[in-house]
Every structure is written in structure tokens, then in C-alpha cells.
């Protein structure tokens, strides 16, 4: 998910299977990536499964108030949940 950074995005991913996802050794090519979208209190990833990922599972970058709830990741390369810059806050994982 990507926006202009003006808090205009609402993403709701629920109960979806992601397999053979991500691109190995390529920055920014992650299966589920919340990228510089600001405050997203209406957004969540709930009950998803990510497996056989070639580059992480969930990436949170420049995002606040996101909820990652009851997700499962298996057989991922790199960090399963990646907080990219350290400026991300008030997220529920």
C-alpha cells in the first residue's frame, strides 16, 4: 500500500493466503508493505497467512496506527515483521 503520505489510504486485508511472494534481494519488494502512508487508524491486516516468502512477510514503513492481528507467517527469508525506519509508532502487532 502506498499513498502520497497525506493519511488518505485505508487498507483492509483479511483472511487471505499469500504464497510464493516477495522478490529476493530487492529492496521494497515485500509481500505486504505499508509504505509511507501516515496515520491509518482504519487500516488493518487480519487473519492472513504468508508462506514461502522470498523477502519478509509484513513491512511497516512510515506508518502509524496500523493493526496487524492474528496473522501467520512461515518459511520467510529475512524478518517476518519488519519495522523499517524506527519512526513508526502506535502500531498494534
PDB file of N, CA and C in Angstrom:
ATOM      1  N   UNK A   1       0.848  -1.160   0.000  1.00  0.00           N
ATOM      2  CA  UNK A   1       0.000   0.000   0.000  1.00  0.00           C
ATOM      3  C   UNK A   1       0.898   1.228   0.000  1.00  0.00           C
ATOM      4  N   UNK A   2       0.515   2.205  -0.772  1.00  0.00           N
ATOM      5  CA  UNK A   2       1.315   3.415  -0.897  1.00  0.00           C
ATOM      6  C   UNK A   2       0.363   4.582  -1.123  1.00  0.00           C
ATOM      7  N   UNK A   3       0.692   5.711  -0.537  1.00  0.00           N
ATOM      8  CA  UNK A   3      -0.102   6.917  -0.776  1.00  0.00           C
ATOM      9  C   UNK A   3       0.830   8.113  -0.828  1.00  0.00           C
ATOM     10  N   UNK A   4       0.258   9.250  -0.996  1.00  0.00           N
ATOM     11  CA  UNK A   4       1.056  10.484  -1.035  1.00  0.00           C
ATOM     12  C   UNK A   4       1.528  10.893   0.359  1.00  0.00           C
ATOM     13  N   UNK A   5       1.197  10.115   1.381  1.00  0.00           N
ATOM     14  CA  UNK A   5       1.606  10.434   2.742  1.00  0.00           C
ATOM     15  C   UNK A   5       0.672  11.399   3.425  1.00  0.00           C
ATOM     16  N   UNK A   6      -0.503  11.574   2.873  1.00  0.00           N
ATOM     17  CA  UNK A   6      -1.451  12.544   3.413  1.00  0.00           C
ATOM     18  C   UNK A   6      -2.579  11.876   4.206  1.00  0.00           C
ATOM     19  N   UNK A   7      -2.331  10.678   4.718  1.00  0.00           N
ATOM     20  CA  UNK A   7      -3.307   9.935   5.523  1.00  0.00           C
ATOM     21  C   UNK A   7      -4.581   9.608   4.741  1.00  0.00           C
ATOM     22  N   UNK A   8      -4.482   9.477   3.426  1.00  0.00           N
ATOM     23  CA  UNK A   8      -5.672   9.265   2.604  1.00  0.00           C
ATOM     24  C   UNK A   8      -5.961   7.797   2.313  1.00  0.00           C
ATOM     25  N   UNK A   9      -5.106   6.892   2.781  1.00  0.00           N
ATOM     26  CA  UNK A   9      -5.270   5.482   2.443  1.00  0.00           C
ATOM     27  C   UNK A   9      -5.979   4.714   3.547  1.00  0.00           C
ATOM     28  N   UNK A  10      -6.851   3.814   3.163  1.00  0.00           N
ATOM     29  CA  UNK A  10      -7.442   2.851   4.100  1.00  0.00           C
ATOM     30  C   UNK A  10      -7.315   1.477   3.451  1.00  0.00           C
ATOM     31  N   UNK A  11      -6.554   0.595   4.077  1.00  0.00           N
ATOM     32  CA  UNK A  11      -6.347  -0.753   3.534  1.00  0.00           C
ATOM     33  C   UNK A  11      -6.850  -1.765   4.547  1.00  0.00           C
ATOM     34  N   UNK A  12      -7.658  -2.689   4.079  1.00  0.00           N
ATOM     35  CA  UNK A  12      -8.200  -3.731   4.950  1.00  0.00           C
ATOM     36  C   UNK A  12      -7.980  -5.083   4.285  1.00  0.00           C
ATOM     37  N   UNK A  13      -6.976  -5.801   4.757  1.00  0.00           N
ATOM     38  CA  UNK A  13      -6.662  -7.128   4.243  1.00  0.00           C
ATOM     39  C   UNK A  13      -7.099  -8.150   5.280  1.00  0.00           C
ATOM     40  N   UNK A  14      -7.949  -9.082   4.886  1.00  0.00           N
ATOM     41  CA  UNK A  14      -8.378 -10.078   5.869  1.00  0.00           C
ATOM     42  C   UNK A  14      -8.571 -11.446   5.239  1.00  0.00           C
ATOM     43  N   UNK A  15      -8.085 -12.439   5.976  1.00  0.00           N
ATOM     44  CA  UNK A  15      -8.266 -13.856   5.659  1.00  0.00           C
ATOM     45  C   UNK A  15      -7.884 -14.193   4.217  1.00  0.00           C
ATOM     46  N   UNK A  16      -6.669 -13.808   3.856  1.00  0.00           N
ATOM     47  CA  UNK A  16      -6.144 -14.055   2.519  1.00  0.00           C
ATOM     48  C   UNK A  16      -4.840 -14.841   2.641  1.00  0.00           C
ATOM     49  N   UNK A  17      -4.614 -15.755   1.714  1.00  0.00           N
ATOM     50  CA  UNK A  17      -3.381 -16.533   1.688  1.00  0.00           C
ATOM     51  C   UNK A  17      -2.436 -15.946   0.644  1.00  0.00           C
ATOM     52  N   UNK A  18      -1.198 -15.694   1.060  1.00  0.00           N
ATOM     53  CA  UNK A  18      -0.162 -15.203   0.163  1.00  0.00           C
ATOM     54  C   UNK A  18       0.948 -16.243   0.130  1.00  0.00           C
ATOM     55  N   UNK A  19       1.251 -16.795  -1.026  1.00  0.00           N
ATOM     56  CA  UNK A  19       2.296 -17.807  -1.131  1.00  0.00           C
ATOM     57  C   UNK A  19       3.192 -17.514  -2.328  1.00  0.00           C
ATOM     58  N   UNK A  20       4.482 -17.874  -2.186  1.00  0.00           N
ATOM     59  CA  UNK A  20       5.493 -17.594  -3.221  1.00  0.00           C
ATOM     60  C   UNK A  20       5.482 -16.110  -3.592  1.00  0.00           C
ATOM     61  N   UNK A  21       5.635 -15.267  -2.586  1.00  0.00           N
ATOM     62  CA  UNK A  21       5.542 -13.816  -2.765  1.00  0.00           C
ATOM     63  C   UNK A  21       6.858 -13.134  -2.416  1.00  0.00           C
ATOM     64  N   UNK A  22       6.955 -11.858  -2.726  1.00  0.00           N
ATOM     65  CA  UNK A  22       8.168 -11.086  -2.473  1.00  0.00           C
ATOM     66  C   UNK A  22       9.222 -11.378  -3.529  1.00  0.00           C
ATOM     67  N   UNK A  23      10.146 -10.462  -3.675  1.00  0.00           N
ATOM     68  CA  UNK A  23      11.246 -10.656  -4.624  1.00  0.00           C
ATOM     69  C   UNK A  23      12.558 -10.616  -3.859  1.00  0.00           C
ATOM     70  N   UNK A  24      13.282 -11.707  -3.904  1.00  0.00           N
ATOM     71  CA  UNK A  24      14.525 -11.837  -3.141  1.00  0.00           C
ATOM     72  C   UNK A  24      15.546 -10.772  -3.526  1.00  0.00           C
ATOM     73  N   UNK A  25      16.213 -10.237  -2.507  1.00  0.00           N
ATOM     74  CA  UNK A  25      17.324  -9.296  -2.662  1.00  0.00           C
ATOM     75  C   UNK A  25      16.933  -7.983  -3.342  1.00  0.00           C
ATOM     76  N   UNK A  26      15.631  -7.643  -3.345  1.00  0.00           N
ATOM     77  CA  UNK A  26      15.184  -6.381  -3.935  1.00  0.00           C
ATOM     78  C   UNK A  26      14.504  -5.542  -2.861  1.00  0.00           C
ATOM     79  N   UNK A  27      15.058  -4.393  -2.605  1.00  0.00           N
ATOM     80  CA  UNK A  27      14.504  -3.505  -1.593  1.00  0.00           C
ATOM     81  C   UNK A  27      13.111  -3.040  -2.008  1.00  0.00           C
ATOM     82  N   UNK A  28      12.180  -3.079  -1.056  1.00  0.00           N
ATOM     83  CA  UNK A  28      10.823  -2.611  -1.299  1.00  0.00           C
ATOM     84  C   UNK A  28       9.907  -3.631  -1.951  1.00  0.00           C
ATOM     85  N   UNK A  29      10.391  -4.816  -2.245  1.00  0.00           N
ATOM     86  CA  UNK A  29       9.575  -5.842  -2.899  1.00  0.00           C
ATOM     87  C   UNK A  29       9.117  -6.871  -1.874  1.00  0.00           C
ATOM     88  N   UNK A  30       8.270  -6.410  -0.963  1.00  0.00           N
ATOM     89  CA  UNK A  30       7.793  -7.247   0.135  1.00  0.00           C
ATOM     90  C   UNK A  30       6.339  -7.650  -0.127  1.00  0.00           C
ATOM     91  N   UNK A  31       5.900  -8.791   0.396  1.00  0.00           N
ATOM     92  CA  UNK A  31       4.532  -9.251   0.158  1.00  0.00           C
ATOM     93  C   UNK A  31       3.458  -8.263   0.612  1.00  0.00           C
ATOM     94  N   UNK A  32       3.517  -7.845   1.863  1.00  0.00           N
ATOM     95  CA  UNK A  32       2.540  -6.887   2.394  1.00  0.00           C
ATOM     96  C   UNK A  32       3.344  -5.717   2.957  1.00  0.00           C
ATOM     97  N   UNK A  33       3.231  -4.576   2.308  1.00  0.00           N
ATOM     98  CA  UNK A  33       4.105  -3.437   2.591  1.00  0.00           C
ATOM     99  C   UNK A  33       3.267  -2.167   2.741  1.00  0.00           C
ATOM    100  N   UNK A  34       3.243  -1.642   3.942  1.00  0.00           N
ATOM    101  CA  UNK A  34       2.585  -0.362   4.206  1.00  0.00           C
ATOM    102  C   UNK A  34       3.678   0.688   4.120  1.00  0.00           C
ATOM    103  N   UNK A  35       3.684   1.474   3.054  1.00  0.00           N
ATOM    104  CA  UNK A  35       4.813   2.336   2.715  1.00  0.00           C
ATOM    105  C   UNK A  35       4.461   3.820   2.783  1.00  0.00           C
ATOM    106  N   UNK A  36       5.003   4.493   3.799  1.00  0.00           N
ATOM    107  CA  UNK A  36       4.886   5.951   3.932  1.00  0.00           C
ATOM    108  C   UNK A  36       3.459   6.455   3.757  1.00  0.00           C
ATOM    109  N   UNK A  37       2.537   5.869   4.518  1.00  0.00           N
ATOM    110  CA  UNK A  37       1.137   6.253   4.344  1.00  0.00           C
ATOM    111  C   UNK A  37       0.578   7.048   5.517  1.00  0.00           C
ATOM    112  N   UNK A  38       1.425   7.402   6.470  1.00  0.00           N
ATOM    113  CA  UNK A  38       0.987   8.270   7.565  1.00  0.00           C
ATOM    114  C   UNK A  38       0.087   7.561   8.559  1.00  0.00           C
ATOM    115  N   UNK A  39      -0.893   8.258   9.066  1.00  0.00           N
ATOM    116  CA  UNK A  39      -1.818   7.711  10.071  1.00  0.00           C
ATOM    117  C   UNK A  39      -2.938   6.950   9.366  1.00  0.00           C
ATOM    118  N   UNK A  40      -3.108   5.689   9.765  1.00  0.00           N
ATOM    119  CA  UNK A  40      -4.102   4.826   9.110  1.00  0.00           C
ATOM    120  C   UNK A  40      -4.952   4.087  10.144  1.00  0.00           C
ATOM    121  N   UNK A  41      -5.700   4.798  10.967  1.00  0.00           N
ATOM    122  CA  UNK A  41      -6.473   4.125  12.019  1.00  0.00           C
ATOM    123  C   UNK A  41      -7.559   3.195  11.499  1.00  0.00           C
ATOM    124  N   UNK A  42      -7.941   3.315  10.238  1.00  0.00           N
ATOM    125  CA  UNK A  42      -8.972   2.441   9.662  1.00  0.00           C
ATOM    126  C   UNK A  42      -8.365   1.244   8.930  1.00  0.00           C
ATOM    127  N   UNK A  43      -7.051   1.117   8.930  1.00  0.00           N
ATOM    128  CA  UNK A  43      -6.376   0.057   8.183  1.00  0.00           C
ATOM    129  C   UNK A  43      -5.963  -1.092   9.080  1.00  0.00           C
ATOM    130  N   UNK A  44      -5.976  -2.304   8.492  1.00  0.00           N
ATOM    131  CA  UNK A  44      -5.535  -3.484   9.236  1.00  0.00           C
ATOM    132  C   UNK A  44      -5.187  -4.618   8.286  1.00  0.00           C
ATOM    133  N   UNK A  45      -4.440  -5.573   8.818  1.00  0.00           N
ATOM    134  CA  UNK A  45      -4.216  -6.867   8.176  1.00  0.00           C
ATOM    135  C   UNK A  45      -4.624  -7.892   9.227  1.00  0.00           C
ATOM    136  N   UNK A  46      -5.676  -8.640   8.961  1.00  0.00           N
ATOM    137  CA  UNK A  46      -6.299  -9.525   9.950  1.00  0.00           C
ATOM    138  C   UNK A  46      -6.408 -10.947   9.403  1.00  0.00           C
ATOM    139  N   UNK A  47      -5.835 -11.902  10.123  1.00  0.00           N
ATOM    140  CA  UNK A  47      -6.021 -13.314   9.816  1.00  0.00           C
ATOM    141  C   UNK A  47      -5.446 -13.784   8.496  1.00  0.00           C
ATOM    142  N   UNK A  48      -4.408 -13.143   8.012  1.00  0.00           N
ATOM    143  CA  UNK A  48      -3.791 -13.532   6.751  1.00  0.00           C
ATOM    144  C   UNK A  48      -2.691 -14.561   6.977  1.00  0.00           C
ATOM    145  N   UNK A  49      -2.344 -15.301   5.929  1.00  0.00           N
ATOM    146  CA  UNK A  49      -1.196 -16.189   6.018  1.00  0.00           C
ATOM    147  C   UNK A  49      -0.230 -15.866   4.885  1.00  0.00           C
ATOM    148  N   UNK A  50       1.047 -15.797   5.246  1.00  0.00           N
ATOM    149  CA  UNK A  50       2.111 -15.561   4.278  1.00  0.00           C
ATOM    150  C   UNK A  50       3.082 -16.724   4.415  1.00  0.00           C
ATOM    151  N   UNK A  51       3.287 -17.463   3.334  1.00  0.00           N
ATOM    152  CA  UNK A  51       4.265 -18.538   3.406  1.00  0.00           C
ATOM    153  C   UNK A  51       5.023 -18.666   2.096  1.00  0.00           C
ATOM    154  N   UNK A  52       6.233 -19.186   2.235  1.00  0.00           N
ATOM    155  CA  UNK A  52       7.182 -19.257   1.118  1.00  0.00           C
ATOM    156  C   UNK A  52       7.423 -17.863   0.546  1.00  0.00           C
ATOM    157  N   UNK A  53       7.783 -16.945   1.430  1.00  0.00           N
ATOM    158  CA  UNK A  53       8.076 -15.579   1.020  1.00  0.00           C
ATOM    159  C   UNK A  53       9.569 -15.434   0.749  1.00  0.00           C
ATOM    160  N   UNK A  54       9.901 -14.821  -0.355  1.00  0.00           N
ATOM    161  CA  UNK A  54      11.294 -14.622  -0.724  1.00  0.00           C
ATOM    162  C   UNK A  54      11.873 -13.328  -0.147  1.00  0.00           C
ATOM    163  N   UNK A  55      11.039 -12.507   0.509  1.00  0.00           N
ATOM    164  CA  UNK A  55      11.523 -11.253   1.090  1.00  0.00           C
ATOM    165  C   UNK A  55      10.539 -10.751   2.149  1.00  0.00           C
ATOM    166  N   UNK A  56      10.710 -11.238   3.373  1.00  0.00           N
ATOM    167  CA  UNK A  56       9.903 -10.836   4.514  1.00  0.00           C
ATOM    168  C   UNK A  56       8.434 -11.228   4.359  1.00  0.00           C
ATOM    169  N   UNK A  57       7.606 -10.774   5.317  1.00  0.00           N
ATOM    170  CA  UNK A  57       6.166 -11.032   5.244  1.00  0.00           C
ATOM    171  C   UNK A  57       5.398  -9.711   5.344  1.00  0.00           C
ATOM    172  N   UNK A  58       5.594  -8.982   6.440  1.00  0.00           N
ATOM    173  CA  UNK A  58       4.901  -7.704   6.653  1.00  0.00           C
ATOM    174  C   UNK A  58       5.944  -6.617   6.872  1.00  0.00           C
ATOM    175  N   UNK A  59       5.801  -5.511   6.171  1.00  0.00           N
ATOM    176  CA  UNK A  59       6.706  -4.372   6.343  1.00  0.00           C
ATOM    177  C   UNK A  59       5.880  -3.141   6.672  1.00  0.00           C
ATOM    178  N   UNK A  60       6.296  -2.456   7.737  1.00  0.00           N
ATOM    179  CA  UNK A  60       5.644  -1.209   8.155  1.00  0.00           C
ATOM    180  C   UNK A  60       6.687  -0.107   8.028  1.00  0.00           C
ATOM    181  N   UNK A  61       6.416   0.884   7.184  1.00  0.00           N
ATOM    182  CA  UNK A  61       7.372   1.958   6.918  1.00  0.00           C
ATOM    183  C   UNK A  61       6.640   3.300   6.920  1.00  0.00           C
ATOM    184  N   UNK A  62       7.022   4.161   7.855  1.00  0.00           N
ATOM    185  CA  UNK A  62       6.423   5.495   7.908  1.00  0.00           C
ATOM    186  C   UNK A  62       4.925   5.465   8.112  1.00  0.00           C
ATOM    187  N   UNK A  63       4.456   4.553   8.949  1.00  0.00           N
ATOM    188  CA  UNK A  63       3.027   4.327   9.129  1.00  0.00           C
ATOM    189  C   UNK A  63       2.688   4.317  10.609  1.00  0.00           C
ATOM    190  N   UNK A  64       1.544   4.900  10.962  1.00  0.00           N
ATOM    191  CA  UNK A  64       1.094   4.954  12.358  1.00  0.00           C
ATOM    192  C   UNK A  64      -0.328   4.422  12.476  1.00  0.00           C
ATOM    193  N   UNK A  65      -0.621   3.820  13.608  1.00  0.00           N
ATOM    194  CA  UNK A  65      -1.968   3.327  13.952  1.00  0.00           C
ATOM    195  C   UNK A  65      -2.435   2.136  13.107  1.00  0.00           C
ATOM    196  N   UNK A  66      -1.514   1.404  12.538  1.00  0.00           N
ATOM    197  CA  UNK A  66      -1.847   0.200  11.779  1.00  0.00           C
ATOM    198  C   UNK A  66      -2.040  -0.973  12.740  1.00  0.00           C
ATOM    199  N   UNK A  67      -2.936  -1.895  12.399  1.00  0.00           N
ATOM    200  CA  UNK A  67      -3.162  -3.092  13.216  1.00  0.00           C
ATOM    201  C   UNK A  67      -2.840  -4.343  12.400  1.00  0.00           C
ATOM    202  N   UNK A  68      -1.897  -5.148  12.910  1.00  0.00           N
ATOM    203  CA  UNK A  68      -1.605  -6.470  12.352  1.00  0.00           C
ATOM    204  C   UNK A  68      -2.085  -7.473  13.389  1.00  0.00           C
ATOM    205  N   UNK A  69      -3.171  -8.169  13.089  1.00  0.00           N
ATOM    206  CA  UNK A  69      -3.831  -9.015  14.088  1.00  0.00           C
ATOM    207  C   UNK A  69      -4.014 -10.428  13.558  1.00  0.00           C
ATOM    208  N   UNK A  70      -3.610 -11.421  14.361  1.00  0.00           N
ATOM    209  CA  UNK A  70      -3.846 -12.846  14.074  1.00  0.00           C
ATOM    210  C   UNK A  70      -3.359 -13.289  12.698  1.00  0.00           C
ATOM    211  N   UNK A  71      -2.218 -12.767  12.265  1.00  0.00           N
ATOM    212  CA  UNK A  71      -1.612 -13.194  11.008  1.00  0.00           C
ATOM    213  C   UNK A  71      -0.588 -14.289  11.279  1.00  0.00           C
ATOM    214  N   UNK A  72      -0.328 -15.116  10.281  1.00  0.00           N
ATOM    215  CA  UNK A  72       0.639 -16.199  10.400  1.00  0.00           C
ATOM    216  C   UNK A  72       1.632 -16.082   9.254  1.00  0.00           C
ATOM    217  N   UNK A  73       2.921 -16.233   9.558  1.00  0.00           N
ATOM    218  CA  UNK A  73       3.948 -16.245   8.519  1.00  0.00           C
ATOM    219  C   UNK A  73       4.852 -17.449   8.753  1.00  0.00           C
ATOM    220  N   UNK A  74       5.210 -18.124   7.665  1.00  0.00           N
ATOM    221  CA  UNK A  74       6.041 -19.318   7.752  1.00  0.00           C
ATOM    222  C   UNK A  74       6.948 -19.384   6.530  1.00  0.00           C
ATOM    223  N   UNK A  75       8.165 -19.815   6.752  1.00  0.00           N
ATOM    224  CA  UNK A  75       9.135 -20.011   5.682  1.00  0.00           C
ATOM    225  C   UNK A  75       9.383 -18.704   4.917  1.00  0.00           C
ATOM    226  N   UNK A  76       9.805 -17.690   5.669  1.00  0.00           N
ATOM    227  CA  UNK A  76      10.102 -16.387   5.071  1.00  0.00           C
ATOM    228  C   UNK A  76      11.599 -16.133   5.114  1.00  0.00           C
ATOM    229  N   UNK A  77      12.111 -15.431   4.127  1.00  0.00           N
ATOM    230  CA  UNK A  77      13.512 -15.010   4.127  1.00  0.00           C
ATOM    231  C   UNK A  77      13.566 -13.596   4.678  1.00  0.00           C
ATOM    232  N   UNK A  78      14.436 -13.389   5.642  1.00  0.00           N
ATOM    233  CA  UNK A  78      14.533 -12.078   6.281  1.00  0.00           C
ATOM    234  C   UNK A  78      13.560 -11.975   7.439  1.00  0.00           C
ATOM    235  N   UNK A  79      13.385 -10.776   7.932  1.00  0.00           N
ATOM    236  CA  UNK A  79      12.488 -10.548   9.063  1.00  0.00           C
ATOM    237  C   UNK A  79      11.050 -10.854   8.659  1.00  0.00           C
ATOM    238  N   UNK A  80      10.328 -11.480   9.555  1.00  0.00           N
ATOM    239  CA  UNK A  80       8.926 -11.764   9.265  1.00  0.00           C
ATOM    240  C   UNK A  80       8.107 -10.481   9.331  1.00  0.00           C
ATOM    241  N   UNK A  81       8.284  -9.732  10.404  1.00  0.00           N
ATOM    242  CA  UNK A  81       7.638  -8.411  10.536  1.00  0.00           C
ATOM    243  C   UNK A  81       8.768  -7.402  10.618  1.00  0.00           C
ATOM    244  N   UNK A  82       8.796  -6.499   9.676  1.00  0.00           N
ATOM    245  CA  UNK A  82       9.903  -5.558   9.537  1.00  0.00           C
ATOM    246  C   UNK A  82       9.414  -4.133   9.763  1.00  0.00           C
ATOM    247  N   UNK A  83       9.925  -3.511  10.820  1.00  0.00           N
ATOM    248  CA  UNK A  83       9.656  -2.098  11.089  1.00  0.00           C
ATOM    249  C   UNK A  83      10.825  -1.349  10.466  1.00  0.00           C
ATOM    250  N   UNK A  84      10.593  -0.629   9.380  1.00  0.00           N
ATOM    251  CA  UNK A  84      11.675  -0.201   8.512  1.00  0.00           C
ATOM    252  C   UNK A  84      12.577   0.896   9.073  1.00  0.00           C
ATOM    253  N   UNK A  85      12.050   2.002   9.534  1.00  0.00           N
ATOM    254  CA  UNK A  85      12.911   3.123   9.936  1.00  0.00           C
ATOM    255  C   UNK A  85      12.982   3.382  11.433  1.00  0.00           C
ATOM    256  N   UNK A  86      12.062   2.863  12.189  1.00  0.00           N
ATOM    257  CA  UNK A  86      12.026   3.161  13.620  1.00  0.00           C
ATOM    258  C   UNK A  86      11.205   4.395  13.952  1.00  0.00           C
ATOM    259  N   UNK A  87      10.666   5.088  12.968  1.00  0.00           N
ATOM    260  CA  UNK A  87       9.795   6.244  13.224  1.00  0.00           C
ATOM    261  C   UNK A  87       8.339   5.821  13.307  1.00  0.00           C
ATOM    262  N   UNK A  88       8.081   4.561  13.001  1.00  0.00           N
ATOM    263  CA  UNK A  88       6.722   4.033  13.031  1.00  0.00           C
ATOM    264  C   UNK A  88       6.297   3.907  14.496  1.00  0.00           C
ATOM    265  N   UNK A  89       5.107   4.356  14.815  1.00  0.00           N
ATOM    266  CA  UNK A  89       4.670   4.300  16.202  1.00  0.00           C
ATOM    267  C   UNK A  89       3.165   4.106  16.283  1.00  0.00           C
ATOM    268  N   UNK A  90       2.750   3.673  17.450  1.00  0.00           N
ATOM    269  CA  UNK A  90       1.336   3.421  17.760  1.00  0.00           C
ATOM    270  C   UNK A  90       0.698   2.369  16.850  1.00  0.00           C
ATOM    271  N   UNK A  91       1.519   1.437  16.374  1.00  0.00           N
ATOM    272  CA  UNK A  91       1.027   0.314  15.601  1.00  0.00           C
ATOM    273  C   UNK A  91       0.779  -0.849  16.549  1.00  0.00           C
ATOM    274  N   UNK A  92      -0.211  -1.673  16.265  1.00  0.00           N
ATOM    275  CA  UNK A  92      -0.522  -2.848  17.073  1.00  0.00           C
ATOM    276  C   UNK A  92      -0.111  -4.092  16.289  1.00  0.00           C
ATOM    277  N   UNK A  93       0.853  -4.830  16.841  1.00  0.00           N
ATOM    278  CA  UNK A  93       1.328  -6.037  16.190  1.00  0.00           C
ATOM    279  C   UNK A  93       1.081  -7.200  17.143  1.00  0.00           C
TER     280      UNK A  93
END
